Protein backbone atom coordinates (compact mmCIF):
# COMPACT_ATOMS: atom_id res chain seq x y z
CA UNK A 1 10.60 -0.33 23.97
CA UNK A 2 6.99 -0.69 22.79
CA UNK A 3 5.34 0.32 19.53
CA UNK A 4 1.53 0.32 19.69
CA UNK A 5 1.70 -2.23 22.50
CA UNK A 6 4.13 -4.55 20.74
CA UNK A 7 7.59 -5.07 22.21
CA UNK A 8 10.20 -3.76 19.80
CA UNK A 9 13.91 -4.43 20.06
CA UNK A 10 17.06 -3.67 18.14
CA UNK A 11 16.43 -6.52 15.72
CA UNK A 12 13.16 -4.85 14.65
CA UNK A 13 14.90 -1.50 14.17
CA UNK A 14 17.71 -3.10 12.13
CA UNK A 15 15.26 -5.08 10.00
CA UNK A 16 13.12 -1.98 9.46
CA UNK A 17 16.20 0.04 8.47
CA UNK A 18 17.14 -2.63 5.91
CA UNK A 19 13.59 -2.57 4.51
CA UNK A 20 13.66 1.24 4.25
CA UNK A 21 17.00 1.14 2.42
CA UNK A 22 15.59 -1.48 0.03
CA UNK A 23 12.51 0.70 -0.59
CA UNK A 24 14.78 3.66 -1.38
CA UNK A 25 16.69 1.47 -3.84
CA UNK A 26 13.37 0.51 -5.44
CA UNK A 27 12.56 4.20 -5.79
CA UNK A 28 15.90 4.82 -7.51
CA UNK A 29 15.12 2.03 -9.99
CA UNK A 30 12.02 3.89 -11.24
CA UNK A 31 14.24 5.55 -13.84
CA UNK A 32 14.49 2.21 -15.66
CA UNK A 33 10.80 1.30 -16.18
CA UNK A 34 11.36 -2.15 -17.73
CA UNK A 35 13.64 -3.35 -14.95
CA UNK A 36 11.54 -1.60 -12.29
CA UNK A 37 8.39 -3.37 -13.51
CA UNK A 38 10.15 -6.68 -12.88
CA UNK A 39 11.64 -5.94 -9.45
CA UNK A 40 8.47 -4.26 -8.18
CA UNK A 41 6.22 -7.17 -9.15
CA UNK A 42 5.46 -8.31 -5.55
CA UNK A 43 4.38 -4.79 -4.66
CA UNK A 44 2.36 -4.44 -7.86
CA UNK A 45 0.54 -7.69 -7.11
CA UNK A 46 -0.22 -6.48 -3.58
CA UNK A 47 -1.31 -3.04 -4.79
CA UNK A 48 -3.70 -4.35 -7.43
CA UNK A 49 -4.95 -7.19 -5.22
CA UNK A 50 -5.93 -4.66 -2.55
CA UNK A 51 -7.80 -2.59 -5.16
CA UNK A 52 -9.60 -5.74 -6.30
CA UNK A 53 -10.47 -6.96 -2.78
CA UNK A 54 -11.64 -3.61 -1.45
CA UNK A 55 -13.48 -2.90 -4.70
CA UNK A 56 -15.30 -6.22 -4.36
CA UNK A 57 -16.14 -5.60 -0.69
CA UNK A 58 -17.45 -2.08 -1.37
CA UNK A 59 -19.50 -3.13 -4.41
CA UNK A 60 -17.37 -1.24 -6.93
CA UNK A 61 -17.63 -4.27 -9.25
CA UNK A 62 -14.13 -4.94 -10.63
CA UNK A 63 -14.41 -5.91 -14.30
CA UNK A 64 -10.79 -6.22 -15.46
CA UNK A 65 -7.46 -6.86 -13.75
CA UNK A 66 -4.06 -6.65 -15.40
CA UNK A 67 -0.65 -7.24 -13.86
CA UNK A 68 1.17 -6.90 -17.18
CA UNK A 69 3.11 -3.65 -17.44
CA UNK A 70 2.33 -1.27 -20.26
CA UNK A 71 5.16 1.00 -21.41
CA UNK A 72 4.32 4.41 -22.79
CA UNK A 73 6.14 6.45 -25.43
CA UNK A 74 7.15 9.09 -22.88
CA UNK A 75 9.22 6.50 -20.97
CA UNK A 76 6.70 5.93 -18.17
CA UNK A 77 4.94 2.68 -17.41
CA UNK A 78 1.63 1.46 -16.03
CA UNK A 79 2.57 -1.52 -13.88
CA UNK A 80 -0.96 -2.87 -13.49
CA UNK A 81 -4.55 -1.80 -13.12
CA UNK A 82 -8.02 -2.81 -11.98
CA UNK A 83 -11.04 -1.43 -13.81
CA UNK A 84 -14.38 -0.96 -12.02
CA UNK A 85 -17.91 -0.51 -13.31
CA UNK A 86 -19.56 0.88 -10.18
CA UNK A 87 -17.45 3.64 -8.60
CA UNK A 88 -19.81 5.66 -6.41
CA UNK A 89 -19.48 8.29 -3.68
CA UNK A 90 -19.50 5.68 -0.93
CA UNK A 91 -16.73 3.46 -2.34
CA UNK A 92 -14.38 5.76 -4.29
CA UNK A 93 -12.32 6.63 -1.21
CA UNK A 94 -11.95 2.99 -0.18
CA UNK A 95 -11.10 1.75 -3.67
CA UNK A 96 -8.65 4.57 -4.41
CA UNK A 97 -6.78 4.39 -1.12
CA UNK A 98 -6.92 0.58 -0.73
CA UNK A 99 -3.15 0.18 -1.33
CA UNK A 100 -2.48 2.04 1.92
CA UNK A 101 -3.44 -1.23 3.63
CA UNK A 102 -0.15 -2.70 2.34
CA UNK A 103 1.82 -0.58 4.84
CA UNK A 104 0.48 -2.30 7.98
CA UNK A 105 1.04 -5.63 6.22
CA UNK A 106 4.67 -4.70 5.51
CA UNK A 107 5.19 -3.51 9.10
CA UNK A 108 3.65 -6.72 10.43
CA UNK A 109 5.99 -8.73 8.20
CA UNK A 110 9.01 -6.83 9.54
CA UNK A 111 7.81 -7.31 13.13
CA UNK A 112 7.12 -11.01 12.59
CA UNK A 113 10.51 -11.70 11.02
CA UNK A 114 12.41 -9.57 13.55
CA UNK A 115 10.65 -11.20 16.51
CA UNK A 116 12.22 -14.50 15.52
CA UNK A 117 15.69 -12.90 15.60
CA UNK A 118 16.57 -14.51 12.29
CA UNK A 119 20.13 -15.17 11.23
CA UNK A 120 21.12 -13.39 8.04
CA UNK A 121 20.25 -15.86 5.31
CA UNK A 122 19.05 -15.63 1.73
CA UNK A 123 15.42 -16.19 2.60
CA UNK A 124 15.57 -13.32 5.11
CA UNK A 125 16.73 -11.06 2.30
CA UNK A 126 13.71 -12.24 0.30
CA UNK A 127 11.34 -11.46 3.19
CA UNK A 128 12.88 -8.01 3.55
CA UNK A 129 12.59 -7.42 -0.20
CA UNK A 130 8.90 -8.38 -0.20
CA UNK A 131 8.25 -6.12 2.81
CA UNK A 132 10.06 -3.24 1.09
CA UNK A 133 8.16 -3.83 -2.14
CA UNK A 134 4.83 -3.82 -0.25
CA UNK A 135 5.78 -0.68 1.66
CA UNK A 136 6.85 1.10 -1.52
CA UNK A 137 3.74 0.07 -3.44
CA UNK A 138 1.36 1.26 -0.72
CA UNK A 139 1.54 4.82 -2.03
CA UNK A 140 -1.55 5.61 -4.08
CA UNK A 141 -0.81 6.32 -7.73
CA UNK A 142 -2.07 9.36 -9.59
CA UNK A 143 -4.87 7.23 -11.03
CA UNK A 144 -5.81 6.14 -7.47
CA UNK A 145 -6.07 9.75 -6.31
CA UNK A 146 -8.14 10.57 -9.40
CA UNK A 147 -10.60 7.82 -8.40
CA UNK A 148 -10.98 9.38 -4.95
CA UNK A 149 -11.30 12.91 -6.31
CA UNK A 150 -13.83 11.83 -8.95
CA UNK A 151 -16.43 11.54 -6.19
CA UNK A 152 -15.68 14.44 -3.81
CA UNK A 153 -19.02 14.04 -2.00
CA UNK A 154 -17.84 10.74 -0.54
CA UNK A 155 -14.58 12.30 0.59
CA UNK A 156 -16.47 15.08 2.37
CA UNK A 157 -18.91 12.64 3.96
CA UNK A 158 -16.09 10.48 5.34
CA UNK A 159 -14.05 13.50 6.49
CA UNK A 160 -17.13 14.96 8.18
CA UNK A 161 -17.93 11.65 9.86
CA UNK A 162 -14.35 11.26 11.08
CA UNK A 163 -14.39 14.85 12.38
CA UNK A 164 -17.61 14.22 14.31
CA UNK A 165 -16.19 11.01 15.81
CA UNK A 166 -13.03 12.83 16.91
CA UNK A 167 -15.07 15.68 18.38
CA UNK A 168 -17.29 13.21 20.29
CA UNK A 169 -14.26 11.28 21.53
CA UNK A 170 -12.59 14.44 22.82
CA UNK A 171 -15.83 15.57 24.47
CA UNK A 172 -16.24 12.20 26.22
CA UNK A 173 -12.61 12.04 27.38
CA UNK A 174 -12.59 15.63 28.69
């Protein structure tokens, strides 16, 4: 069986299933913000690092990074954040949706570990946990979506450009 040109076997499917179960367990732990902030730390680091890297590459000028959780009176928590001084129409989409890049990284990690057909050992559980944490943290937060929606012109420009590329591709392949 192939997935995007990569050979995939039962070990990949089993490893991916274990990662999905771990991600579901992480989701269930959201009800305990203090404990969740600790167990989701690898994903939080990846999430905020992607904001920082993409923000730097797109000239959004990151000015402050925090990986320390902040607990609110309503029981919620802010696990981390990156503040920017130059969010514009051309970079808001990339900065806001940067954590989505963690999903291909998590899938690559699952593929890489499963391709070696690893025996079940403690370090394999750690790799699976990190992959699950990355996959779970790839979802944009409400603040991330607000960044994207704060500059709707950029969203429309990128959607229009993608639509024109798709239209041209279909016209050329027809």
